[in-house]
């Protein structure tokens, strides 16, 4: 059974999977960085994870995000 994330948590998770920082996510969603951190904490707790990379892997496996979408939205990784 998949954990139930709120709509906003799914948005944050998708943006994490796209490689955005908390600051970039806060600007994208027009919320504070502290709110992004709260959403991230809730996502981690619900998914039983502790790292951003684990969140990205979950998003990819759950089809919340795609590799092509992440690469297109992030651009050059350097």
PDB file of N, CA and C in Angstrom:
ATOM      1  N   UNK A   1       0.843  -1.193   0.000  1.00  0.00           N
ATOM      2  CA  UNK A   1       0.000   0.000   0.000  1.00  0.00           C
ATOM      3  C   UNK A   1       0.882   1.249   0.000  1.00  0.00           C
ATOM      4  N   UNK A   2       0.616   2.145  -0.925  1.00  0.00           N
ATOM      5  CA  UNK A   2       1.385   3.379  -1.021  1.00  0.00           C
ATOM      6  C   UNK A   2       0.946   4.371   0.049  1.00  0.00           C
ATOM      7  N   UNK A   3       1.905   5.086   0.653  1.00  0.00           N
ATOM      8  CA  UNK A   3       1.540   6.125   1.614  1.00  0.00           C
ATOM      9  C   UNK A   3       0.735   7.217   0.916  1.00  0.00           C
ATOM     10  N   UNK A   4      -0.170   7.808   1.637  1.00  0.00           N
ATOM     11  CA  UNK A   4      -0.989   8.871   1.065  1.00  0.00           C
ATOM     12  C   UNK A   4      -0.310  10.210   1.326  1.00  0.00           C
ATOM     13  N   UNK A   5       0.114  10.832   0.245  1.00  0.00           N
ATOM     14  CA  UNK A   5       0.692  12.172   0.327  1.00  0.00           C
ATOM     15  C   UNK A   5      -0.375  13.172  -0.079  1.00  0.00           C
ATOM     16  N   UNK A   6      -0.321  14.344   0.532  1.00  0.00           N
ATOM     17  CA  UNK A   6      -1.251  15.397   0.138  1.00  0.00           C
ATOM     18  C   UNK A   6      -0.880  15.897  -1.253  1.00  0.00           C
ATOM     19  N   UNK A   7      -1.772  16.643  -1.854  1.00  0.00           N
ATOM     20  CA  UNK A   7      -1.496  17.209  -3.176  1.00  0.00           C
ATOM     21  C   UNK A   7      -0.228  18.056  -3.138  1.00  0.00           C
ATOM     22  N   UNK A   8      -0.077  18.878  -2.105  1.00  0.00           N
ATOM     23  CA  UNK A   8       1.097  19.743  -1.992  1.00  0.00           C
ATOM     24  C   UNK A   8       2.363  18.918  -1.775  1.00  0.00           C
ATOM     25  N   UNK A   9       2.272  17.856  -0.962  1.00  0.00           N
ATOM     26  CA  UNK A   9       3.434  16.991  -0.766  1.00  0.00           C
ATOM     27  C   UNK A   9       3.846  16.336  -2.082  1.00  0.00           C
ATOM     28  N   UNK A  10       2.882  15.936  -2.886  1.00  0.00           N
ATOM     29  CA  UNK A  10       3.188  15.372  -4.203  1.00  0.00           C
ATOM     30  C   UNK A  10       3.863  16.410  -5.096  1.00  0.00           C
ATOM     31  N   UNK A  11       3.406  17.665  -5.020  1.00  0.00           N
ATOM     32  CA  UNK A  11       4.039  18.726  -5.806  1.00  0.00           C
ATOM     33  C   UNK A  11       5.490  18.913  -5.374  1.00  0.00           C
ATOM     34  N   UNK A  12       5.707  18.963  -4.055  1.00  0.00           N
ATOM     35  CA  UNK A  12       7.060  19.138  -3.531  1.00  0.00           C
ATOM     36  C   UNK A  12       7.928  17.946  -3.929  1.00  0.00           C
ATOM     37  N   UNK A  13       7.401  16.743  -3.786  1.00  0.00           N
ATOM     38  CA  UNK A  13       8.157  15.546  -4.153  1.00  0.00           C
ATOM     39  C   UNK A  13       8.536  15.565  -5.632  1.00  0.00           C
ATOM     40  N   UNK A  14       7.622  15.969  -6.479  1.00  0.00           N
ATOM     41  CA  UNK A  14       7.907  16.056  -7.915  1.00  0.00           C
ATOM     42  C   UNK A  14       9.021  17.058  -8.181  1.00  0.00           C
ATOM     43  N   UNK A  15       8.994  18.186  -7.498  1.00  0.00           N
ATOM     44  CA  UNK A  15      10.032  19.202  -7.698  1.00  0.00           C
ATOM     45  C   UNK A  15      11.368  18.748  -7.118  1.00  0.00           C
ATOM     46  N   UNK A  16      11.337  17.999  -6.022  1.00  0.00           N
ATOM     47  CA  UNK A  16      12.567  17.403  -5.494  1.00  0.00           C
ATOM     48  C   UNK A  16      13.146  16.458  -6.546  1.00  0.00           C
ATOM     49  N   UNK A  17      12.283  15.638  -7.139  1.00  0.00           N
ATOM     50  CA  UNK A  17      12.726  14.696  -8.170  1.00  0.00           C
ATOM     51  C   UNK A  17      13.268  15.421  -9.396  1.00  0.00           C
ATOM     52  N   UNK A  18      12.781  16.629  -9.641  1.00  0.00           N
ATOM     53  CA  UNK A  18      13.281  17.441 -10.754  1.00  0.00           C
ATOM     54  C   UNK A  18      14.636  18.066 -10.434  1.00  0.00           C
ATOM     55  N   UNK A  19      15.100  17.899  -9.194  1.00  0.00           N
ATOM     56  CA  UNK A  19      16.414  18.395  -8.807  1.00  0.00           C
ATOM     57  C   UNK A  19      16.418  19.800  -8.241  1.00  0.00           C
ATOM     58  N   UNK A  20      15.251  20.350  -7.933  1.00  0.00           N
ATOM     59  CA  UNK A  20      15.200  21.704  -7.399  1.00  0.00           C
ATOM     60  C   UNK A  20      15.618  21.730  -5.927  1.00  0.00           C
ATOM     61  N   UNK A  21      16.235  22.823  -5.523  1.00  0.00           N
ATOM     62  CA  UNK A  21      16.582  23.042  -4.121  1.00  0.00           C
ATOM     63  C   UNK A  21      15.332  23.499  -3.365  1.00  0.00           C
ATOM     64  N   UNK A  22      15.417  23.517  -2.044  1.00  0.00           N
ATOM     65  CA  UNK A  22      14.286  24.017  -1.254  1.00  0.00           C
ATOM     66  C   UNK A  22      13.959  25.460  -1.626  1.00  0.00           C
ATOM     67  N   UNK A  23      14.978  26.264  -1.856  1.00  0.00           N
ATOM     68  CA  UNK A  23      14.752  27.662  -2.233  1.00  0.00           C
ATOM     69  C   UNK A  23      14.020  27.746  -3.575  1.00  0.00           C
ATOM     70  N   UNK A  24      14.447  26.946  -4.542  1.00  0.00           N
ATOM     71  CA  UNK A  24      13.794  26.948  -5.850  1.00  0.00           C
ATOM     72  C   UNK A  24      12.354  26.444  -5.757  1.00  0.00           C
ATOM     73  N   UNK A  25      12.135  25.436  -4.921  1.00  0.00           N
ATOM     74  CA  UNK A  25      10.777  24.926  -4.718  1.00  0.00           C
ATOM     75  C   UNK A  25       9.907  25.996  -4.087  1.00  0.00           C
ATOM     76  N   UNK A  26      10.437  26.707  -3.100  1.00  0.00           N
ATOM     77  CA  UNK A  26       9.650  27.742  -2.432  1.00  0.00           C
ATOM     78  C   UNK A  26       9.255  28.844  -3.414  1.00  0.00           C
ATOM     79  N   UNK A  27      10.167  29.227  -4.302  1.00  0.00           N
ATOM     80  CA  UNK A  27       9.844  30.240  -5.314  1.00  0.00           C
ATOM     81  C   UNK A  27       8.826  29.713  -6.305  1.00  0.00           C
ATOM     82  N   UNK A  28       8.986  28.459  -6.718  1.00  0.00           N
ATOM     83  CA  UNK A  28       8.097  27.846  -7.700  1.00  0.00           C
ATOM     84  C   UNK A  28       6.674  27.744  -7.173  1.00  0.00           C
ATOM     85  N   UNK A  29       6.525  27.412  -5.883  1.00  0.00           N
ATOM     86  CA  UNK A  29       5.192  27.214  -5.302  1.00  0.00           C
ATOM     87  C   UNK A  29       4.687  28.427  -4.518  1.00  0.00           C
ATOM     88  N   UNK A  30       5.493  29.486  -4.447  1.00  0.00           N
ATOM     89  CA  UNK A  30       5.143  30.701  -3.697  1.00  0.00           C
ATOM     90  C   UNK A  30       4.843  30.402  -2.236  1.00  0.00           C
ATOM     91  N   UNK A  31       5.732  29.619  -1.625  1.00  0.00           N
ATOM     92  CA  UNK A  31       5.649  29.324  -0.195  1.00  0.00           C
ATOM     93  C   UNK A  31       7.029  29.550   0.403  1.00  0.00           C
ATOM     94  N   UNK A  32       7.121  29.622   1.716  1.00  0.00           N
ATOM     95  CA  UNK A  32       8.409  29.867   2.361  1.00  0.00           C
ATOM     96  C   UNK A  32       9.277  28.613   2.330  1.00  0.00           C
ATOM     97  N   UNK A  33      10.577  28.830   2.489  1.00  0.00           N
ATOM     98  CA  UNK A  33      11.498  27.690   2.558  1.00  0.00           C
ATOM     99  C   UNK A  33      11.181  26.819   3.768  1.00  0.00           C
ATOM    100  N   UNK A  34      10.756  27.433   4.859  1.00  0.00           N
ATOM    101  CA  UNK A  34      10.401  26.670   6.060  1.00  0.00           C
ATOM    102  C   UNK A  34       9.220  25.744   5.774  1.00  0.00           C
ATOM    103  N   UNK A  35       8.276  26.213   4.984  1.00  0.00           N
ATOM    104  CA  UNK A  35       7.130  25.378   4.617  1.00  0.00           C
ATOM    105  C   UNK A  35       7.573  24.224   3.728  1.00  0.00           C
ATOM    106  N   UNK A  36       8.494  24.480   2.814  1.00  0.00           N
ATOM    107  CA  UNK A  36       9.044  23.410   1.981  1.00  0.00           C
ATOM    108  C   UNK A  36       9.722  22.373   2.876  1.00  0.00           C
ATOM    109  N   UNK A  37      10.496  22.830   3.852  1.00  0.00           N
ATOM    110  CA  UNK A  37      11.167  21.922   4.771  1.00  0.00           C
ATOM    111  C   UNK A  37      10.155  21.096   5.565  1.00  0.00           C
ATOM    112  N   UNK A  38       9.051  21.715   5.972  1.00  0.00           N
ATOM    113  CA  UNK A  38       8.006  20.974   6.683  1.00  0.00           C
ATOM    114  C   UNK A  38       7.391  19.903   5.786  1.00  0.00           C
ATOM    115  N   UNK A  39       7.075  20.265   4.546  1.00  0.00           N
ATOM    116  CA  UNK A  39       6.511  19.292   3.605  1.00  0.00           C
ATOM    117  C   UNK A  39       7.504  18.151   3.367  1.00  0.00           C
ATOM    118  N   UNK A  40       8.777  18.509   3.209  1.00  0.00           N
ATOM    119  CA  UNK A  40       9.809  17.499   2.976  1.00  0.00           C
ATOM    120  C   UNK A  40       9.902  16.550   4.165  1.00  0.00           C
ATOM    121  N   UNK A  41       9.872  17.092   5.365  1.00  0.00           N
ATOM    122  CA  UNK A  41       9.910  16.262   6.581  1.00  0.00           C
ATOM    123  C   UNK A  41       8.723  15.301   6.609  1.00  0.00           C
ATOM    124  N   UNK A  42       7.533  15.800   6.281  1.00  0.00           N
ATOM    125  CA  UNK A  42       6.338  14.948   6.271  1.00  0.00           C
ATOM    126  C   UNK A  42       6.445  13.854   5.207  1.00  0.00           C
ATOM    127  N   UNK A  43       6.970  14.212   4.042  1.00  0.00           N
ATOM    128  CA  UNK A  43       7.163  13.228   2.970  1.00  0.00           C
ATOM    129  C   UNK A  43       8.103  12.132   3.451  1.00  0.00           C
ATOM    130  N   UNK A  44       9.236  12.531   4.017  1.00  0.00           N
ATOM    131  CA  UNK A  44      10.217  11.557   4.505  1.00  0.00           C
ATOM    132  C   UNK A  44       9.595  10.639   5.557  1.00  0.00           C
ATOM    133  N   UNK A  45       8.839  11.222   6.479  1.00  0.00           N
ATOM    134  CA  UNK A  45       8.223  10.434   7.543  1.00  0.00           C
ATOM    135  C   UNK A  45       7.224   9.440   6.966  1.00  0.00           C
ATOM    136  N   UNK A  46       6.377   9.906   6.058  1.00  0.00           N
ATOM    137  CA  UNK A  46       5.359   9.039   5.467  1.00  0.00           C
ATOM    138  C   UNK A  46       5.976   7.919   4.638  1.00  0.00           C
ATOM    139  N   UNK A  47       7.089   8.205   3.966  1.00  0.00           N
ATOM    140  CA  UNK A  47       7.723   7.217   3.108  1.00  0.00           C
ATOM    141  C   UNK A  47       8.739   6.357   3.861  1.00  0.00           C
ATOM    142  N   UNK A  48       9.042   6.736   5.097  1.00  0.00           N
ATOM    143  CA  UNK A  48      10.012   5.984   5.882  1.00  0.00           C
ATOM    144  C   UNK A  48      11.426   6.109   5.339  1.00  0.00           C
ATOM    145  N   UNK A  49      11.768   7.311   4.881  1.00  0.00           N
ATOM    146  CA  UNK A  49      13.086   7.567   4.298  1.00  0.00           C
ATOM    147  C   UNK A  49      13.763   8.713   5.041  1.00  0.00           C
ATOM    148  N   UNK A  50      15.049   8.931   4.720  1.00  0.00           N
ATOM    149  CA  UNK A  50      15.774  10.001   5.406  1.00  0.00           C
ATOM    150  C   UNK A  50      16.638  10.848   4.479  1.00  0.00           C
ATOM    151  N   UNK A  51      16.619  10.542   3.185  1.00  0.00           N
ATOM    152  CA  UNK A  51      17.471  11.270   2.242  1.00  0.00           C
ATOM    153  C   UNK A  51      16.705  11.706   1.006  1.00  0.00           C
ATOM    154  N   UNK A  52      17.173  12.800   0.425  1.00  0.00           N
ATOM    155  CA  UNK A  52      16.568  13.343  -0.792  1.00  0.00           C
ATOM    156  C   UNK A  52      16.653  12.341  -1.947  1.00  0.00           C
ATOM    157  N   UNK A  53      17.774  11.641  -2.051  1.00  0.00           N
ATOM    158  CA  UNK A  53      17.937  10.655  -3.124  1.00  0.00           C
ATOM    159  C   UNK A  53      16.888   9.550  -3.014  1.00  0.00           C
ATOM    160  N   UNK A  54      16.551   9.149  -1.804  1.00  0.00           N
ATOM    161  CA  UNK A  54      15.522   8.137  -1.606  1.00  0.00           C
ATOM    162  C   UNK A  54      14.165   8.664  -2.060  1.00  0.00           C
ATOM    163  N   UNK A  55      13.917   9.944  -1.835  1.00  0.00           N
ATOM    164  CA  UNK A  55      12.657  10.561  -2.269  1.00  0.00           C
ATOM    165  C   UNK A  55      12.568  10.565  -3.796  1.00  0.00           C
ATOM    166  N   UNK A  56      13.691  10.861  -4.451  1.00  0.00           N
ATOM    167  CA  UNK A  56      13.721  10.861  -5.920  1.00  0.00           C
ATOM    168  C   UNK A  56      13.448   9.452  -6.442  1.00  0.00           C
ATOM    169  N   UNK A  57      14.090   8.467  -5.848  1.00  0.00           N
ATOM    170  CA  UNK A  57      13.879   7.087  -6.265  1.00  0.00           C
ATOM    171  C   UNK A  57      12.423   6.684  -6.085  1.00  0.00           C
ATOM    172  N   UNK A  58      11.830   7.048  -4.955  1.00  0.00           N
ATOM    173  CA  UNK A  58      10.412   6.742  -4.721  1.00  0.00           C
ATOM    174  C   UNK A  58       9.543   7.392  -5.798  1.00  0.00           C
ATOM    175  N   UNK A  59       9.810   8.675  -6.087  1.00  0.00           N
ATOM    176  CA  UNK A  59       9.013   9.408  -7.082  1.00  0.00           C
ATOM    177  C   UNK A  59       9.116   8.745  -8.456  1.00  0.00           C
ATOM    178  N   UNK A  60      10.294   8.282  -8.815  1.00  0.00           N
ATOM    179  CA  UNK A  60      10.476   7.624 -10.105  1.00  0.00           C
ATOM    180  C   UNK A  60       9.741   6.287 -10.135  1.00  0.00           C
ATOM    181  N   UNK A  61       9.874   5.518  -9.073  1.00  0.00           N
ATOM    182  CA  UNK A  61       9.227   4.204  -9.021  1.00  0.00           C
ATOM    183  C   UNK A  61       7.707   4.310  -8.964  1.00  0.00           C
ATOM    184  N   UNK A  62       7.206   5.356  -8.326  1.00  0.00           N
ATOM    185  CA  UNK A  62       5.758   5.544  -8.194  1.00  0.00           C
ATOM    186  C   UNK A  62       5.171   6.311  -9.378  1.00  0.00           C
ATOM    187  N   UNK A  63       6.005   6.590 -10.376  1.00  0.00           N
ATOM    188  CA  UNK A  63       5.583   7.348 -11.563  1.00  0.00           C
ATOM    189  C   UNK A  63       5.074   8.739 -11.227  1.00  0.00           C
ATOM    190  N   UNK A  64       5.577   9.305 -10.153  1.00  0.00           N
ATOM    191  CA  UNK A  64       5.257  10.687  -9.806  1.00  0.00           C
ATOM    192  C   UNK A  64       6.122  11.616 -10.652  1.00  0.00           C
ATOM    193  N   UNK A  65       7.315  11.129 -10.997  1.00  0.00           N
ATOM    194  CA  UNK A  65       8.241  11.902 -11.825  1.00  0.00           C
ATOM    195  C   UNK A  65       8.860  10.956 -12.840  1.00  0.00           C
ATOM    196  N   UNK A  66       9.405  11.536 -13.900  1.00  0.00           N
ATOM    197  CA  UNK A  66      10.101  10.742 -14.908  1.00  0.00           C
ATOM    198  C   UNK A  66      11.517  11.274 -15.064  1.00  0.00           C
ATOM    199  N   UNK A  67      12.410  10.430 -15.519  1.00  0.00           N
ATOM    200  CA  UNK A  67      13.793  10.847 -15.726  1.00  0.00           C
ATOM    201  C   UNK A  67      13.858  11.947 -16.770  1.00  0.00           C
ATOM    202  N   UNK A  68      13.125  11.808 -17.869  1.00  0.00           N
ATOM    203  CA  UNK A  68      13.142  12.835 -18.916  1.00  0.00           C
ATOM    204  C   UNK A  68      12.654  14.171 -18.393  1.00  0.00           C
ATOM    205  N   UNK A  69      11.594  14.169 -17.586  1.00  0.00           N
ATOM    206  CA  UNK A  69      11.059  15.400 -17.015  1.00  0.00           C
ATOM    207  C   UNK A  69      12.088  16.047 -16.106  1.00  0.00           C
ATOM    208  N   UNK A  70      12.751  15.264 -15.289  1.00  0.00           N
ATOM    209  CA  UNK A  70      13.757  15.795 -14.374  1.00  0.00           C
ATOM    210  C   UNK A  70      14.908  16.434 -15.133  1.00  0.00           C
ATOM    211  N   UNK A  71      15.369  15.784 -16.186  1.00  0.00           N
ATOM    212  CA  UNK A  71      16.493  16.310 -16.960  1.00  0.00           C
ATOM    213  C   UNK A  71      16.082  17.577 -17.698  1.00  0.00           C
ATOM    214  N   UNK A  72      14.908  17.596 -18.303  1.00  0.00           N
ATOM    215  CA  UNK A  72      14.442  18.768 -19.042  1.00  0.00           C
ATOM    216  C   UNK A  72      14.267  19.974 -18.121  1.00  0.00           C
ATOM    217  N   UNK A  73      13.743  19.759 -16.913  1.00  0.00           N
ATOM    218  CA  UNK A  73      13.468  20.866 -16.009  1.00  0.00           C
ATOM    219  C   UNK A  73      14.729  21.382 -15.329  1.00  0.00           C
ATOM    220  N   UNK A  74      15.754  20.562 -15.206  1.00  0.00           N
ATOM    221  CA  UNK A  74      16.928  20.960 -14.468  1.00  0.00           C
ATOM    222  C   UNK A  74      18.031  21.500 -15.367  1.00  0.00           C
ATOM    223  N   UNK A  75      18.090  21.020 -16.581  1.00  0.00           N
ATOM    224  CA  UNK A  75      19.121  21.503 -17.484  1.00  0.00           C
ATOM    225  C   UNK A  75      20.459  20.866 -17.194  1.00  0.00           C
ATOM    226  N   UNK A  76      21.524  21.619 -17.405  1.00  0.00           N
ATOM    227  CA  UNK A  76      22.887  21.137 -17.227  1.00  0.00           C
ATOM    228  C   UNK A  76      23.163  20.884 -15.754  1.00  0.00           C
ATOM    229  N   UNK A  77      23.589  19.647 -15.380  1.00  0.00           N
ATOM    230  CA  UNK A  77      23.798  19.327 -13.976  1.00  0.00           C
ATOM    231  C   UNK A  77      25.045  19.944 -13.382  1.00  0.00           C
ATOM    232  N   UNK A  78      25.909  20.554 -14.146  1.00  0.00           N
ATOM    233  CA  UNK A  78      27.140  21.108 -13.598  1.00  0.00           C
ATOM    234  C   UNK A  78      26.969  22.523 -13.093  1.00  0.00           C
TER     235      UNK A  78
END
